[in-house]
Amino acid sequence: MTRISAPRGNGTRTGQAAAKLAGCLLGTALLTGTLAGCGTPAPELGRDAAQQLQSQVFAVTEAAAANDPAGSLRLLDGLVERLDAAAASGDVSFKRHQSIRASIDAVRADLTAQQAAAEAARVTAEQEAAAQAAAAAAAASAATPAPVAPEPVPVDNGKAKGKGQDRDKSDD
């Protein structure tokens, strides 16, 4: 089974394409198992079990296409529960159970990587927004000049210094 790598960058189209592809691959694995079981006397995957599993795969695919990795992972957990229940009841052979489980694990790894990439992109975007806000605040404070207080003016109380004082004495 070919593994799908997590989307690079924060492009939504890439993530949706990867999610659709992951769902298609898982659906193909289940469908192949159903078709392979039809030619043998004891099917590896019973018809009812295949239909239930395929409907669950469809739900996972829709959630992945909606770019909801967390929802996809929850639905994938439900798929595993149905698969295990079908295996316990004998509707899925051990070999087919292992094959489907390997496909589920590959899709889970891809969805987990997609979820981690989305979280990392969110954190990076928040950090960039905070850095831009800080830069804007710094630019605003640098652009506004600080108020300058005028220099104090010496106060003259009406008394003249120097020559004026001497004149007063000489006039007496």
C-alpha atoms as a PDB file:
ATOM      1  CA  MET A   1       0.000   0.000   0.000  1.00  0.00           C
ATOM      2  CA  THR A   2       1.336   3.381  -0.934  1.00  0.00           C
ATOM      3  CA  ARG A   3       1.539   5.858   1.911  1.00  0.00           C
ATOM      4  CA  ILE A   4       0.251   9.323   1.387  1.00  0.00           C
ATOM      5  CA  SER A   5       2.496  12.018   2.736  1.00  0.00           C
ATOM      6  CA  ALA A   6       1.066  14.885   4.718  1.00  0.00           C
ATOM      7  CA  PRO A   7       0.393  18.032   2.737  1.00  0.00           C
ATOM      8  CA  ARG A   8       3.196  20.519   2.687  1.00  0.00           C
ATOM      9  CA  GLY A   9       2.535  24.155   3.382  1.00  0.00           C
ATOM     10  CA  ASN A  10      -0.818  25.349   4.491  1.00  0.00           C
ATOM     11  CA  GLY A  11      -2.663  24.898   1.182  1.00  0.00           C
ATOM     12  CA  THR A  12      -6.184  23.683   1.719  1.00  0.00           C
ATOM     13  CA  ARG A  13      -6.363  22.125  -1.732  1.00  0.00           C
ATOM     14  CA  THR A  14      -3.363  19.913  -1.045  1.00  0.00           C
ATOM     15  CA  GLY A  15      -4.841  18.729   2.242  1.00  0.00           C
ATOM     16  CA  GLN A  16      -8.185  17.959   0.649  1.00  0.00           C
ATOM     17  CA  ALA A  17      -6.559  16.091  -2.190  1.00  0.00           C
ATOM     18  CA  ALA A  18      -4.496  14.017   0.226  1.00  0.00           C
ATOM     19  CA  ALA A  19      -7.554  13.292   2.348  1.00  0.00           C
ATOM     20  CA  LYS A  20      -9.612  12.238  -0.659  1.00  0.00           C
ATOM     21  CA  LEU A  21      -6.813  10.034  -1.858  1.00  0.00           C
ATOM     22  CA  ALA A  22      -6.463   8.446   1.576  1.00  0.00           C
ATOM     23  CA  GLY A  23     -10.160   7.686   1.688  1.00  0.00           C
ATOM     24  CA  CYS A  24     -10.126   6.310  -1.827  1.00  0.00           C
ATOM     25  CA  LEU A  25      -7.207   4.030  -1.056  1.00  0.00           C
ATOM     26  CA  LEU A  26      -8.890   2.695   2.059  1.00  0.00           C
ATOM     27  CA  GLY A  27     -12.161   2.222   0.186  1.00  0.00           C
ATOM     28  CA  THR A  28     -10.344   0.443  -2.618  1.00  0.00           C
ATOM     29  CA  ALA A  29      -8.695  -1.892  -0.136  1.00  0.00           C
ATOM     30  CA  LEU A  30     -12.056  -2.767   1.370  1.00  0.00           C
ATOM     31  CA  LEU A  31     -13.712  -3.149  -2.029  1.00  0.00           C
ATOM     32  CA  THR A  32     -10.880  -5.327  -3.258  1.00  0.00           C
ATOM     33  CA  GLY A  33     -11.306  -7.478  -0.193  1.00  0.00           C
ATOM     34  CA  THR A  34     -15.008  -7.802  -0.892  1.00  0.00           C
ATOM     35  CA  LEU A  35     -14.489  -8.722  -4.517  1.00  0.00           C
ATOM     36  CA  ALA A  36     -11.698 -11.152  -3.686  1.00  0.00           C
ATOM     37  CA  GLY A  37     -13.952 -12.851  -1.160  1.00  0.00           C
ATOM     38  CA  CYS A  38     -16.711 -13.440  -3.727  1.00  0.00           C
ATOM     39  CA  GLY A  39     -14.766 -16.057  -5.684  1.00  0.00           C
ATOM     40  CA  THR A  40     -13.886 -18.290  -2.734  1.00  0.00           C
ATOM     41  CA  PRO A  41     -16.180 -20.704  -0.930  1.00  0.00           C
ATOM     42  CA  ALA A  42     -15.480 -19.160   2.500  1.00  0.00           C
ATOM     43  CA  PRO A  43     -15.285 -15.378   2.003  1.00  0.00           C
ATOM     44  CA  GLU A  44     -12.590 -13.493   3.784  1.00  0.00           C
ATOM     45  CA  LEU A  45     -15.028 -10.623   4.180  1.00  0.00           C
ATOM     46  CA  GLY A  46     -18.760 -11.178   4.481  1.00  0.00           C
ATOM     47  CA  ARG A  47     -21.169  -9.112   2.395  1.00  0.00           C
ATOM     48  CA  ASP A  48     -22.885  -7.437   5.376  1.00  0.00           C
ATOM     49  CA  ALA A  49     -19.594  -6.707   7.087  1.00  0.00           C
ATOM     50  CA  ALA A  50     -18.216  -5.254   3.848  1.00  0.00           C
ATOM     51  CA  GLN A  51     -21.220  -2.969   3.448  1.00  0.00           C
ATOM     52  CA  GLN A  52     -20.954  -1.733   7.036  1.00  0.00           C
ATOM     53  CA  LEU A  53     -17.232  -1.152   6.725  1.00  0.00           C
ATOM     54  CA  GLN A  54     -17.618   0.593   3.380  1.00  0.00           C
ATOM     55  CA  SER A  55     -20.227   2.970   4.801  1.00  0.00           C
ATOM     56  CA  GLN A  56     -17.829   3.796   7.630  1.00  0.00           C
ATOM     57  CA  VAL A  57     -15.003   4.313   5.113  1.00  0.00           C
ATOM     58  CA  PHE A  58     -17.278   6.685   3.200  1.00  0.00           C
ATOM     59  CA  ALA A  59     -17.859   8.704   6.393  1.00  0.00           C
ATOM     60  CA  VAL A  60     -14.101   8.884   7.026  1.00  0.00           C
ATOM     61  CA  THR A  61     -13.547   9.986   3.430  1.00  0.00           C
ATOM     62  CA  GLU A  62     -16.159  12.742   3.698  1.00  0.00           C
ATOM     63  CA  ALA A  63     -14.644  14.068   6.932  1.00  0.00           C
ATOM     64  CA  ALA A  64     -11.159  13.986   5.409  1.00  0.00           C
ATOM     65  CA  ALA A  65     -12.414  15.779   2.279  1.00  0.00           C
ATOM     66  CA  ALA A  66     -13.955  18.438   4.531  1.00  0.00           C
ATOM     67  CA  ASN A  67     -10.443  18.965   5.939  1.00  0.00           C
ATOM     68  CA  ASP A  68     -11.461  17.669   9.373  1.00  0.00           C
ATOM     69  CA  PRO A  69      -8.597  15.410  10.454  1.00  0.00           C
ATOM     70  CA  ALA A  70      -9.830  15.203  14.049  1.00  0.00           C
ATOM     71  CA  GLY A  71     -13.291  14.093  12.916  1.00  0.00           C
ATOM     72  CA  SER A  72     -11.725  11.686  10.440  1.00  0.00           C
ATOM     73  CA  LEU A  73      -9.655  10.122  13.202  1.00  0.00           C
ATOM     74  CA  ARG A  74     -12.746   9.673  15.405  1.00  0.00           C
ATOM     75  CA  LEU A  75     -14.585   8.009  12.534  1.00  0.00           C
ATOM     76  CA  LEU A  76     -11.545   5.867  11.846  1.00  0.00           C
ATOM     77  CA  ASP A  77     -11.716   4.666  15.462  1.00  0.00           C
ATOM     78  CA  GLY A  78     -15.323   3.647  14.813  1.00  0.00           C
ATOM     79  CA  LEU A  79     -14.202   1.800  11.695  1.00  0.00           C
ATOM     80  CA  VAL A  80     -11.648  -0.139  13.724  1.00  0.00           C
ATOM     81  CA  GLU A  81     -14.344  -1.073  16.250  1.00  0.00           C
ATOM     82  CA  ARG A  82     -16.628  -2.349  13.478  1.00  0.00           C
ATOM     83  CA  LEU A  83     -13.762  -4.235  11.872  1.00  0.00           C
ATOM     84  CA  ASP A  84     -12.842  -5.883  15.174  1.00  0.00           C
ATOM     85  CA  ALA A  85     -16.491  -6.778  15.847  1.00  0.00           C
ATOM     86  CA  ALA A  86     -16.835  -8.272  12.372  1.00  0.00           C
ATOM     87  CA  ALA A  87     -13.651 -10.275  12.903  1.00  0.00           C
ATOM     88  CA  ALA A  88     -14.883 -11.490  16.291  1.00  0.00           C
ATOM     89  CA  SER A  89     -18.152 -12.675  14.751  1.00  0.00           C
ATOM     90  CA  GLY A  90     -16.333 -14.498  11.931  1.00  0.00           C
ATOM     91  CA  ASP A  91     -17.441 -12.145   9.144  1.00  0.00           C
ATOM     92  CA  VAL A  92     -13.844 -11.133   8.469  1.00  0.00           C
ATOM     93  CA  SER A  93     -10.973 -13.593   8.216  1.00  0.00           C
ATOM     94  CA  PHE A  94      -7.816 -13.025  10.194  1.00  0.00           C
ATOM     95  CA  LYS A  95      -5.847 -12.392   6.999  1.00  0.00           C
ATOM     96  CA  ARG A  96      -8.367  -9.850   5.686  1.00  0.00           C
ATOM     97  CA  HIS A  97      -8.613  -8.224   9.139  1.00  0.00           C
ATOM     98  CA  GLN A  98      -4.856  -7.715   9.176  1.00  0.00           C
ATOM     99  CA  SER A  99      -4.865  -6.339   5.631  1.00  0.00           C
ATOM    100  CA  ILE A 100      -7.659  -3.858   6.342  1.00  0.00           C
ATOM    101  CA  ARG A 101      -6.087  -2.920   9.657  1.00  0.00           C
ATOM    102  CA  ALA A 102      -2.787  -2.141   7.905  1.00  0.00           C
ATOM    103  CA  SER A 103      -4.664   0.140   5.490  1.00  0.00           C
ATOM    104  CA  ILE A 104      -6.415   1.840   8.394  1.00  0.00           C
ATOM    105  CA  ASP A 105      -3.107   2.347  10.184  1.00  0.00           C
ATOM    106  CA  ALA A 106      -1.588   3.947   7.061  1.00  0.00           C
ATOM    107  CA  VAL A 107      -4.564   6.297   6.707  1.00  0.00           C
ATOM    108  CA  ARG A 108      -4.399   7.075  10.446  1.00  0.00           C
ATOM    109  CA  ALA A 109      -0.728   8.029  10.122  1.00  0.00           C
ATOM    110  CA  ASP A 110      -1.552  10.337   7.214  1.00  0.00           C
ATOM    111  CA  LEU A 111      -4.470  11.953   9.053  1.00  0.00           C
ATOM    112  CA  THR A 112      -2.378  12.381  12.194  1.00  0.00           C
ATOM    113  CA  ALA A 113       0.371  14.026  10.140  1.00  0.00           C
ATOM    114  CA  GLN A 114      -2.237  16.262   8.476  1.00  0.00           C
ATOM    115  CA  GLN A 115      -3.643  17.214  11.881  1.00  0.00           C
ATOM    116  CA  ALA A 116      -0.148  17.985  13.204  1.00  0.00           C
ATOM    117  CA  ALA A 117       0.627  20.065  10.116  1.00  0.00           C
ATOM    118  CA  ALA A 118      -2.616  21.999  10.521  1.00  0.00           C
ATOM    119  CA  GLU A 119      -1.847  22.655  14.191  1.00  0.00           C
ATOM    120  CA  ALA A 120       1.696  23.756  13.355  1.00  0.00           C
ATOM    121  CA  ALA A 121       0.349  26.093  10.658  1.00  0.00           C
ATOM    122  CA  ARG A 122      -2.150  27.547  13.151  1.00  0.00           C
ATOM    123  CA  VAL A 123       0.575  28.153  15.744  1.00  0.00           C
ATOM    124  CA  THR A 124       2.865  29.692  13.127  1.00  0.00           C
ATOM    125  CA  ALA A 125       0.079  31.981  11.935  1.00  0.00           C
ATOM    126  CA  GLU A 126      -0.611  33.088  15.508  1.00  0.00           C
ATOM    127  CA  GLN A 127       3.082  33.774  16.098  1.00  0.00           C
ATOM    128  CA  GLU A 128       3.344  35.749  12.853  1.00  0.00           C
ATOM    129  CA  ALA A 129       0.260  37.777  13.766  1.00  0.00           C
ATOM    130  CA  ALA A 130       1.715  38.528  17.203  1.00  0.00           C
ATOM    131  CA  ALA A 131       5.052  39.531  15.654  1.00  0.00           C
ATOM    132  CA  GLN A 132       3.298  41.808  13.163  1.00  0.00           C
ATOM    133  CA  ALA A 133       1.255  43.394  15.946  1.00  0.00           C
ATOM    134  CA  ALA A 134       4.418  43.975  17.982  1.00  0.00           C
ATOM    135  CA  ALA A 135       6.196  45.453  14.971  1.00  0.00           C
ATOM    136  CA  ALA A 136       3.233  47.725  14.253  1.00  0.00           C
ATOM    137  CA  ALA A 137       3.158  48.872  17.874  1.00  0.00           C
ATOM    138  CA  ALA A 138       6.905  49.537  17.808  1.00  0.00           C
ATOM    139  CA  ALA A 139       6.595  51.458  14.556  1.00  0.00           C
ATOM    140  CA  ALA A 140       3.725  53.504  15.942  1.00  0.00           C
ATOM    141  CA  SER A 141       5.654  54.413  19.087  1.00  0.00           C
ATOM    142  CA  ALA A 142       8.760  55.286  17.050  1.00  0.00           C
ATOM    143  CA  ALA A 143       6.764  57.459  14.647  1.00  0.00           C
ATOM    144  CA  THR A 144       5.162  59.487  17.422  1.00  0.00           C
ATOM    145  CA  PRO A 145       7.791  61.817  18.852  1.00  0.00           C
ATOM    146  CA  ALA A 146       7.947  62.089  22.584  1.00  0.00           C
ATOM    147  CA  PRO A 147       6.675  65.444  23.874  1.00  0.00           C
ATOM    148  CA  VAL A 148       9.508  67.875  24.525  1.00  0.00           C
ATOM    149  CA  ALA A 149       9.201  70.094  27.574  1.00  0.00           C
ATOM    150  CA  PRO A 150      10.193  73.713  26.935  1.00  0.00           C
ATOM    151  CA  GLU A 151      13.317  74.943  28.651  1.00  0.00           C
ATOM    152  CA  PRO A 152      12.627  77.010  31.731  1.00  0.00           C
ATOM    153  CA  VAL A 153      12.882  80.745  31.193  1.00  0.00           C
ATOM    154  CA  PRO A 154      14.774  82.640  33.884  1.00  0.00           C
ATOM    155  CA  VAL A 155      12.425  84.705  35.954  1.00  0.00           C
ATOM    156  CA  ASP A 156      13.286  88.377  36.471  1.00  0.00           C
ATOM    157  CA  ASN A 157      11.634  89.721  39.605  1.00  0.00           C
ATOM    158  CA  GLY A 158      12.110  93.286  38.477  1.00  0.00           C
ATOM    159  CA  LYS A 159      15.499  93.624  40.062  1.00  0.00           C
ATOM    160  CA  ALA A 160      18.236  94.466  37.668  1.00  0.00           C
ATOM    161  CA  LYS A 161      21.560  92.897  38.129  1.00  0.00           C
ATOM    162  CA  GLY A 162      24.902  94.407  37.596  1.00  0.00           C
ATOM    163  CA  LYS A 163      24.890  97.989  36.305  1.00  0.00           C
ATOM    164  CA  GLY A 164      21.412  98.764  37.436  1.00  0.00           C
ATOM    165  CA  GLN A 165      22.226  98.083  41.026  1.00  0.00           C
ATOM    166  CA  ASP A 166      25.220 100.389  40.919  1.00  0.00           C
ATOM    167  CA  ARG A 167      23.133 103.180  39.457  1.00  0.00           C
ATOM    168  CA  ASP A 168      20.689 103.012  42.250  1.00  0.00           C
ATOM    169  CA  LYS A 169      23.456 103.524  44.741  1.00  0.00           C
ATOM    170  CA  SER A 170      25.020 106.412  42.918  1.00  0.00           C
ATOM    171  CA  ASP A 171      21.737 108.270  42.610  1.00  0.00           C
ATOM    172  CA  ASP A 172      21.287 108.367  46.347  1.00  0.00           C
END
